[in-house]
Amino acid sequence: MAKPKLKEHHIHRDWCKGCGICVHYCPKSVLELDENDKVCAVRPEDCICCRLCEYRCPDLAIEIETE
C-alpha cells in the first residue's frame, strides 16, 4: 500500500483557539502558531500525513486532504 501524499492542509483559522495541541503532536514539526496564536503549516513539504494534528484538535480546525 502506498503512503498517502499530502494535497493540502485545510486550517479553519476562525475555529482555532491557539491551544498548540496540534503543534505538540506533529512528529515532523510541520505546524507552528503564528503571531496571532493561530496554527499554520510552515513546512507542508515535511508532512507525512499521519493526521495526528487532525485527530487531536479539540476544535476540529484542521483537515488533512490527501491525493
Protein backbone atom coordinates (compact mmCIF):
# COMPACT_ATOMS: atom_id res chain seq x y z
CA MET A 1 0.00 0.00 0.00
CA ALA A 2 1.40 3.40 -1.00
CA LYS A 3 1.88 6.12 1.56
CA PRO A 4 -0.69 8.90 1.31
CA LYS A 5 0.56 12.08 -0.34
CA LEU A 6 -0.46 15.44 1.06
CA LYS A 7 -2.67 17.55 -1.13
CA GLU A 8 -3.44 20.33 1.35
CA HIS A 9 -3.79 21.31 4.99
CA HIS A 10 -7.23 22.84 5.49
CA ILE A 11 -6.98 25.06 8.54
CA HIS A 12 -10.12 26.78 9.76
CA ARG A 13 -8.48 29.76 11.42
CA ASP A 14 -11.77 31.05 12.84
CA TRP A 15 -12.17 27.79 14.78
CA CYS A 16 -8.56 27.62 16.03
CA LYS A 17 -8.16 28.82 19.61
CA GLY A 18 -4.36 28.55 19.57
CA CYS A 19 -4.04 25.79 22.14
CA GLY A 20 -0.97 24.31 20.40
CA ILE A 21 -2.02 20.67 20.78
CA CYS A 22 -1.59 20.06 17.04
CA VAL A 23 1.88 21.67 17.12
CA HIS A 24 2.90 19.45 20.03
CA TYR A 25 1.76 16.20 18.40
CA CYS A 26 3.16 16.81 14.90
CA PRO A 27 6.13 14.42 14.57
CA LYS A 28 7.73 16.46 11.76
CA SER A 29 7.27 20.00 13.15
CA VAL A 30 5.11 21.00 10.18
CA LEU A 31 2.85 23.24 12.24
CA GLU A 32 3.53 26.38 14.24
CA LEU A 33 1.46 29.08 15.90
CA ASP A 34 1.69 32.45 14.16
CA GLU A 35 1.79 35.92 15.74
CA ASN A 36 -1.99 35.72 16.28
CA ASP A 37 -1.73 32.33 18.04
CA LYS A 38 -3.39 30.57 15.12
CA VAL A 39 -1.96 27.38 13.65
CA CYS A 40 -0.33 27.44 10.23
CA ALA A 41 1.55 24.86 8.17
CA VAL A 42 5.05 26.29 7.86
CA ARG A 43 6.70 23.16 6.43
CA PRO A 44 3.96 21.31 4.47
CA GLU A 45 6.58 19.51 2.37
CA ASP A 46 7.65 17.60 5.53
CA CYS A 47 4.11 16.35 6.31
CA ILE A 48 3.82 12.55 6.45
CA CYS A 49 0.00 12.61 6.57
CA CYS A 50 -0.19 10.90 9.94
CA ARG A 51 -3.24 13.05 10.77
CA LEU A 52 -2.30 13.37 14.43
CA CYS A 53 -2.99 17.11 14.23
CA GLU A 54 -6.43 16.45 12.75
CA TYR A 55 -7.31 13.77 15.30
CA ARG A 56 -6.03 15.71 18.33
CA CYS A 57 -7.51 19.13 17.53
CA PRO A 58 -10.30 19.71 20.07
CA ASP A 59 -11.91 22.33 17.81
CA LEU A 60 -11.84 20.30 14.57
CA ALA A 61 -9.94 23.18 12.99
CA ILE A 62 -7.58 21.03 10.88
CA GLU A 63 -8.33 18.70 8.00
CA ILE A 64 -5.66 16.83 6.05
CA GLU A 65 -6.51 16.26 2.39
CA THR A 66 -4.53 13.58 0.57
CA GLU A 67 -4.31 12.62 -3.08
